[in-house]
Amino acid sequence: MPSPMDLAALSGAQGAAERHQAFEKAFPVRSLADVLDQPVDIADPIFEISKPMHGRRISTRELGLLTFVRNLNRAVFLSIDPQAQVNVKSWTKSGTDGAPQGGGVMTVMRGPVLEKAAVNMSVVWGPSYPSIEKEYSGQPYLAAGVSLICHPYNPNAPIAHMNIRVLKVGAGDDYLFWMGGGGDLTPMVRFQEDTDSFHASFRAACEAHPLGDYPKFKQWCDEYFFIPHRGETRGVGGIFFDYLKVSGETDLGLLLNTAQVFAHQYAEILQRRVTTPFTDELKEQHLYWRGRYAEFNLVHDRGTRFGLMSGGNIEAIFASLPPVVKW
């Protein structure tokens, strides 16, 4: 993670080229091998929360990848809004027999630039998988992932969402290992430059990995983030993939590619838009427009339903909702 000096240089950079150079210095792209080989911080609350499953259903290397992505996005958001107040809270869950079933760490930031940003990480497990599709339901499972959402104050700056996750279902050593993830952009005021750069970066990230399939993942995203009762898509899309079989550690590179590309692209977009002037009228429209986002997350999002069905932390599940919204 960058030093305070790096963050100061980033927030103080004025021109687009200067900001980009400062950002690249503060957040260099890391290789999968580098991230997997880094030592896990045993003082991190998520380490203790997930400890019963270490070496059984989640390796310390997998845990290290997820914590790297979480810490990267925490730092990126703080670089955009250094004045944001940060609230970090841990949570745990137990089964009916009192046995631990994991938990998570949620980070919520509120500031003058990023009105609300949340970066959540969880590692949960249980004896009965609450599959929404009913397939594999009732089998032991472990689900681990990082999800984030950002609601900027400025109506010209888009909402963005990113998620990466791993899922293991089955008894003993005979379990299925899947991964999923993606990132998407939801602007009220659409700038073609932002849409084009966002999609071009995800295309490059997919092309750099054998499991990447940008055309398929883009279509999947458009179909997933569709609001049926409104007859419209949520934003300008991005990529979305789910239930991709993991055959080895190198497959996890797709998750790292997705997370790093998202962090870099969204930071550049925010740097372009958070200072754009806007009127009171546009801000009022912004509050009503945010309602579309809330509607999708509450009614249609599978992640929300999975969290509720698996006994997840309510505060963490609903952290994705806008801070202020009107209908």
Protein backbone atom coordinates (compact mmCIF):
# COMPACT_ATOMS: atom_id res chain seq x y z
CA MET A 1 0.00 0.00 0.00
CA PRO A 2 1.19 3.57 -0.70
CA SER A 3 2.82 5.78 1.88
CA PRO A 4 1.22 9.04 3.13
CA MET A 5 3.72 10.90 0.93
CA ASP A 6 2.50 9.03 -2.15
CA LEU A 7 -1.13 9.84 -1.30
CA ALA A 8 -0.29 13.48 -0.71
CA ALA A 9 1.37 13.66 -4.13
CA LEU A 10 -1.66 12.04 -5.72
CA SER A 11 -4.26 14.31 -4.13
CA GLY A 12 -2.12 17.37 -4.85
CA ALA A 13 -1.51 16.59 -8.52
CA GLN A 14 -3.27 19.10 -10.78
CA GLY A 15 -3.04 18.06 -14.45
CA ALA A 16 -4.45 14.82 -15.84
CA ALA A 17 -1.02 13.52 -16.84
CA GLU A 18 0.46 14.46 -13.47
CA ARG A 19 -2.42 12.78 -11.60
CA HIS A 20 -2.03 9.62 -13.68
CA GLN A 21 1.71 9.48 -13.01
CA ALA A 22 1.19 9.98 -9.27
CA PHE A 23 -1.51 7.33 -9.19
CA GLU A 24 0.62 4.76 -11.03
CA LYS A 25 3.44 5.39 -8.56
CA ALA A 26 1.14 5.03 -5.56
CA PHE A 27 -0.68 1.94 -6.85
CA PRO A 28 1.59 -0.09 -9.17
CA VAL A 29 0.01 -3.11 -10.85
CA ARG A 30 0.99 -6.29 -9.01
CA SER A 31 1.43 -9.77 -10.49
CA LEU A 32 -0.55 -12.76 -9.23
CA ALA A 33 2.61 -14.48 -7.99
CA ASP A 34 3.63 -11.35 -6.09
CA VAL A 35 0.23 -11.03 -4.42
CA LEU A 36 -0.09 -14.74 -3.55
CA ASP A 37 3.42 -14.85 -2.08
CA GLN A 38 2.94 -11.87 0.22
CA PRO A 39 2.60 -12.73 3.92
CA VAL A 40 -0.88 -12.47 5.40
CA ASP A 41 -1.26 -9.92 8.18
CA ILE A 42 -2.26 -12.06 11.16
CA ALA A 43 -3.37 -8.91 12.99
CA ASP A 44 -6.08 -8.36 10.38
CA PRO A 45 -9.49 -9.21 11.91
CA ILE A 46 -10.43 -11.27 8.84
CA PHE A 47 -7.52 -13.63 9.60
CA GLU A 48 -8.93 -14.55 13.01
CA ILE A 49 -12.52 -14.70 11.70
CA SER A 50 -11.59 -17.20 8.97
CA LYS A 51 -9.09 -19.17 11.08
CA PRO A 52 -11.29 -22.30 11.56
CA MET A 53 -11.15 -22.85 7.78
CA HIS A 54 -7.44 -22.13 7.19
CA GLY A 55 -5.89 -24.99 5.25
CA ARG A 56 -9.25 -26.70 4.95
CA ARG A 57 -11.54 -24.65 2.73
CA ILE A 58 -9.49 -21.50 2.18
CA SER A 59 -5.72 -21.18 1.84
CA THR A 60 -3.74 -18.29 3.26
CA ARG A 61 -2.74 -17.45 -0.34
CA GLU A 62 -6.39 -17.10 -1.39
CA LEU A 63 -7.02 -15.04 1.73
CA GLY A 64 -4.01 -12.89 0.87
CA LEU A 65 -5.36 -12.14 -2.61
CA LEU A 66 -8.71 -11.03 -1.23
CA THR A 67 -7.18 -8.84 1.49
CA PHE A 68 -4.85 -7.23 -1.07
CA VAL A 69 -7.84 -6.28 -3.23
CA ARG A 70 -9.72 -4.95 -0.21
CA ASN A 71 -6.76 -2.87 0.99
CA LEU A 72 -6.05 -1.56 -2.51
CA ASN A 73 -9.56 -0.20 -2.93
CA ARG A 74 -9.65 1.24 0.58
CA ALA A 75 -6.47 3.18 -0.20
CA VAL A 76 -7.70 4.28 -3.63
CA PHE A 77 -10.88 5.75 -2.16
CA LEU A 78 -8.91 7.59 0.53
CA SER A 79 -6.60 9.00 -2.14
CA ILE A 80 -9.64 10.51 -3.88
CA ASP A 81 -11.20 11.82 -0.66
CA PRO A 82 -8.50 12.25 2.03
CA GLN A 83 -11.02 13.99 4.32
CA ALA A 84 -13.39 11.01 4.43
CA GLN A 85 -14.28 9.59 7.82
CA VAL A 86 -13.55 5.86 7.94
CA ASN A 87 -15.52 3.38 10.03
CA VAL A 88 -14.23 -0.22 10.15
CA LYS A 89 -16.39 -2.84 11.81
CA SER A 90 -15.99 -6.62 12.16
CA TRP A 91 -18.87 -9.06 12.40
CA THR A 92 -19.23 -12.80 12.95
CA LYS A 93 -21.97 -15.39 12.61
CA SER A 94 -22.65 -18.74 14.26
CA GLY A 95 -24.76 -21.78 13.50
CA THR A 96 -27.75 -22.92 15.54
CA ASP A 97 -25.33 -25.08 17.53
CA GLY A 98 -23.16 -22.08 18.36
CA ALA A 99 -20.31 -23.18 16.11
CA PRO A 100 -18.54 -20.33 14.25
CA GLN A 101 -19.54 -19.84 10.62
CA GLY A 102 -17.21 -17.00 9.69
CA GLY A 103 -17.95 -13.34 9.27
CA GLY A 104 -16.39 -10.29 7.73
CA VAL A 105 -14.95 -6.80 7.97
CA MET A 106 -16.86 -3.84 6.57
CA THR A 107 -15.30 -0.46 5.83
CA VAL A 108 -17.58 2.52 5.24
CA MET A 109 -16.17 5.91 4.22
CA ARG A 110 -18.12 9.17 4.17
CA GLY A 111 -16.66 12.45 2.97
CA PRO A 112 -17.25 15.63 0.98
CA VAL A 113 -16.20 13.98 -2.30
CA LEU A 114 -17.25 10.37 -1.82
CA GLU A 115 -20.57 10.76 -0.05
CA LYS A 116 -20.54 7.05 0.76
CA ALA A 117 -18.10 4.30 -0.20
CA ALA A 118 -18.09 0.79 1.25
CA VAL A 119 -15.45 -1.92 0.92
CA ASN A 120 -16.55 -5.21 2.47
CA MET A 121 -14.78 -8.55 2.82
CA SER A 122 -16.34 -11.73 4.15
CA VAL A 123 -15.50 -15.39 4.63
CA VAL A 124 -18.57 -17.43 5.58
CA TRP A 125 -19.34 -21.13 5.65
CA GLY A 126 -22.08 -23.50 6.73
CA PRO A 127 -23.51 -27.02 6.47
CA SER A 128 -26.22 -26.17 3.94
CA TYR A 129 -25.59 -24.07 0.81
CA PRO A 130 -28.53 -21.67 0.26
CA SER A 131 -28.38 -21.87 -3.53
CA ILE A 132 -30.78 -19.46 -5.17
CA GLU A 133 -30.94 -21.75 -8.19
CA LYS A 134 -31.60 -24.73 -5.84
CA GLU A 135 -28.68 -26.61 -7.40
CA TYR A 136 -26.24 -27.95 -4.80
CA SER A 137 -28.50 -26.69 -2.02
CA GLY A 138 -28.09 -28.49 1.27
CA GLN A 139 -24.37 -29.21 0.82
CA PRO A 140 -21.53 -27.79 2.95
CA TYR A 141 -20.07 -24.58 1.51
CA LEU A 142 -17.58 -21.76 1.94
CA ALA A 143 -17.97 -18.39 0.25
CA ALA A 144 -15.32 -15.66 0.41
CA GLY A 145 -15.14 -12.37 -1.40
CA VAL A 146 -14.64 -8.64 -1.57
CA SER A 147 -17.34 -6.23 -2.72
CA LEU A 148 -17.33 -2.48 -2.97
CA ILE A 149 -19.63 0.32 -3.91
CA CYS A 150 -19.06 4.05 -4.27
CA HIS A 151 -21.65 6.85 -4.32
CA PRO A 152 -19.88 10.15 -5.12
CA TYR A 153 -21.55 13.41 -4.10
CA ASN A 154 -21.12 15.06 -7.51
CA PRO A 155 -23.88 14.01 -9.97
CA ASN A 156 -21.29 14.06 -12.78
CA ALA A 157 -19.26 11.30 -11.10
CA PRO A 158 -20.65 7.79 -11.64
CA ILE A 159 -21.61 5.18 -9.08
CA ALA A 160 -19.39 2.12 -9.41
CA HIS A 161 -19.51 -1.43 -8.09
CA MET A 162 -16.94 -4.23 -8.07
CA ASN A 163 -16.97 -7.73 -6.64
CA ILE A 164 -14.71 -10.77 -6.68
CA ARG A 165 -15.55 -14.02 -4.93
CA VAL A 166 -14.73 -17.70 -4.56
CA LEU A 167 -17.21 -20.44 -3.70
CA LYS A 168 -16.54 -24.01 -2.61
CA VAL A 169 -19.46 -26.45 -2.32
CA GLY A 170 -19.38 -30.13 -1.33
CA ALA A 171 -18.35 -32.46 1.46
CA GLY A 172 -14.78 -33.34 2.47
CA ASP A 173 -12.09 -33.00 -0.19
CA ASP A 174 -14.63 -33.66 -2.94
CA TYR A 175 -15.91 -30.14 -3.49
CA LEU A 176 -16.57 -27.86 -6.43
CA PHE A 177 -14.46 -24.69 -6.63
CA TRP A 178 -15.91 -21.72 -8.50
CA MET A 179 -15.12 -18.05 -8.81
CA GLY A 180 -17.02 -15.01 -9.99
CA GLY A 181 -16.71 -11.28 -10.18
CA GLY A 182 -16.99 -8.16 -12.26
CA GLY A 183 -17.24 -4.41 -12.21
CA ASP A 184 -19.81 -1.97 -13.58
CA LEU A 185 -20.36 1.76 -13.94
CA THR A 186 -23.63 3.62 -13.32
CA PRO A 187 -23.44 7.27 -14.40
CA MET A 188 -26.36 9.67 -14.35
CA VAL A 189 -24.54 12.08 -16.65
CA ARG A 190 -22.93 9.93 -19.32
CA PHE A 191 -19.50 10.82 -20.67
CA GLN A 192 -18.50 8.65 -23.63
CA GLU A 193 -14.84 9.03 -22.72
CA ASP A 194 -15.49 7.34 -19.37
CA THR A 195 -17.55 4.52 -20.85
CA ASP A 196 -15.01 3.80 -23.59
CA SER A 197 -11.98 3.76 -21.27
CA PHE A 198 -13.80 1.61 -18.69
CA HIS A 199 -14.75 -1.03 -21.25
CA ALA A 200 -11.39 -0.93 -23.07
CA SER A 201 -9.57 -1.66 -19.82
CA PHE A 202 -11.82 -4.61 -18.98
CA ARG A 203 -11.38 -5.96 -22.51
CA ALA A 204 -7.59 -5.85 -22.05
CA ALA A 205 -7.87 -7.50 -18.61
CA CYS A 206 -9.92 -10.36 -20.07
CA GLU A 207 -7.62 -10.82 -23.05
CA ALA A 208 -4.66 -11.13 -20.68
CA HIS A 209 -6.11 -14.27 -19.03
CA PRO A 210 -7.05 -17.66 -20.58
CA LEU A 211 -10.44 -17.70 -18.83
CA GLY A 212 -11.28 -14.14 -19.84
CA ASP A 213 -14.07 -13.72 -22.40
CA TYR A 214 -14.89 -10.03 -22.72
CA PRO A 215 -17.81 -10.29 -25.20
CA LYS A 216 -19.49 -12.96 -23.06
CA PHE A 217 -18.81 -11.19 -19.77
CA LYS A 218 -20.03 -7.85 -21.16
CA GLN A 219 -23.29 -9.38 -22.36
CA TRP A 220 -23.66 -11.20 -19.03
CA CYS A 221 -23.28 -7.85 -17.25
CA ASP A 222 -25.88 -6.13 -19.43
CA GLU A 223 -28.36 -8.96 -18.84
CA TYR A 224 -27.69 -9.23 -15.10
CA PHE A 225 -27.97 -5.51 -14.34
CA PHE A 226 -31.33 -5.08 -16.09
CA ILE A 227 -34.22 -3.60 -14.12
CA PRO A 228 -37.32 -5.44 -15.43
CA HIS A 229 -39.95 -3.19 -13.85
CA ARG A 230 -38.22 -0.14 -15.36
CA GLY A 231 -37.38 -1.77 -18.68
CA GLU A 232 -33.84 -0.39 -18.57
CA THR A 233 -30.28 -1.42 -17.76
CA ARG A 234 -28.50 -0.16 -14.67
CA GLY A 235 -25.82 2.08 -16.10
CA VAL A 236 -23.35 1.50 -18.94
CA GLY A 237 -22.30 -1.99 -17.88
CA GLY A 238 -18.86 -3.50 -17.56
CA ILE A 239 -18.21 -7.21 -17.06
CA PHE A 240 -19.85 -9.93 -14.96
CA PHE A 241 -18.95 -13.61 -14.63
CA ASP A 242 -20.04 -16.34 -12.27
CA TYR A 243 -19.54 -20.05 -11.55
CA LEU A 244 -16.25 -20.27 -13.46
CA LYS A 245 -14.51 -23.50 -12.46
CA VAL A 246 -11.17 -23.00 -10.70
CA SER A 247 -8.64 -25.67 -11.66
CA GLY A 248 -5.53 -24.06 -10.15
CA GLU A 249 -4.13 -20.91 -8.59
CA THR A 250 -3.36 -19.30 -11.93
CA ASP A 251 -7.10 -19.14 -12.62
CA LEU A 252 -7.38 -16.65 -9.76
CA GLY A 253 -5.42 -14.21 -11.90
CA LEU A 254 -8.71 -13.26 -13.56
CA LEU A 255 -10.00 -12.00 -10.20
CA LEU A 256 -6.84 -9.97 -9.63
CA ASN A 257 -6.96 -8.53 -13.16
CA THR A 258 -10.59 -7.52 -12.66
CA ALA A 259 -9.93 -5.84 -9.32
CA GLN A 260 -6.81 -3.92 -10.34
CA VAL A 261 -8.26 -2.71 -13.64
CA PHE A 262 -11.38 -1.52 -11.85
CA ALA A 263 -9.40 0.34 -9.18
CA HIS A 264 -7.22 2.14 -11.71
CA GLN A 265 -9.99 2.99 -14.16
CA TYR A 266 -12.52 4.18 -11.62
CA ALA A 267 -9.92 6.35 -9.89
CA GLU A 268 -9.11 8.05 -13.21
CA ILE A 269 -12.80 8.65 -13.90
CA LEU A 270 -13.35 10.11 -10.43
CA GLN A 271 -10.34 12.40 -10.83
CA ARG A 272 -11.93 13.73 -14.02
CA ARG A 273 -15.46 14.22 -12.66
CA VAL A 274 -15.57 15.02 -8.95
CA THR A 275 -14.74 18.70 -9.51
CA THR A 276 -17.14 19.24 -12.44
CA PRO A 277 -19.58 22.07 -11.62
CA PHE A 278 -23.26 21.17 -11.17
CA THR A 279 -26.52 22.92 -10.31
CA ASP A 280 -28.96 22.35 -7.45
CA GLU A 281 -31.45 21.12 -10.03
CA LEU A 282 -29.04 18.45 -11.28
CA LYS A 283 -28.34 17.34 -7.70
CA GLU A 284 -32.07 16.99 -7.05
CA GLN A 285 -32.42 14.84 -10.19
CA HIS A 286 -29.46 12.82 -8.91
CA LEU A 287 -31.34 11.83 -5.74
CA TYR A 288 -34.31 10.51 -7.73
CA TRP A 289 -32.02 8.72 -10.18
CA ARG A 290 -30.29 6.94 -7.29
CA GLY A 291 -33.64 5.29 -6.63
CA ARG A 292 -33.07 3.03 -9.65
CA TYR A 293 -29.91 1.73 -8.01
CA ALA A 294 -31.67 1.03 -4.73
CA GLU A 295 -34.54 -0.73 -6.50
CA PHE A 296 -32.24 -3.15 -8.29
CA ASN A 297 -30.21 -4.01 -5.21
CA LEU A 298 -33.27 -4.60 -3.04
CA VAL A 299 -35.42 -6.48 -5.55
CA HIS A 300 -33.19 -8.25 -8.07
CA ASP A 301 -29.58 -8.59 -6.87
CA ARG A 302 -28.56 -12.20 -6.24
CA GLY A 303 -25.75 -11.17 -3.90
CA THR A 304 -28.23 -9.39 -1.64
CA ARG A 305 -30.50 -12.43 -1.58
CA PHE A 306 -27.61 -14.82 -0.91
CA GLY A 307 -26.42 -12.68 1.98
CA LEU A 308 -29.87 -12.61 3.55
CA MET A 309 -30.48 -16.34 2.99
CA SER A 310 -27.11 -17.30 4.48
CA GLY A 311 -27.57 -15.23 7.63
CA GLY A 312 -25.09 -12.53 6.65
CA ASN A 313 -24.62 -9.21 8.41
CA ILE A 314 -27.56 -6.95 7.53
CA GLU A 315 -25.53 -3.74 7.81
CA ALA A 316 -22.86 -5.08 5.45
CA ILE A 317 -25.45 -6.39 2.96
CA PHE A 318 -27.22 -3.04 2.73
CA ALA A 319 -24.01 -0.98 2.69
CA SER A 320 -24.38 -0.82 -1.10
CA LEU A 321 -27.47 1.41 -0.88
CA PRO A 322 -27.18 5.15 -1.61
CA PRO A 323 -26.81 7.41 1.46
CA VAL A 324 -29.64 9.73 0.35
CA VAL A 325 -32.30 8.86 -2.20
CA LYS A 326 -35.74 10.09 -3.30
CA TRP A 327 -38.70 8.57 -5.14
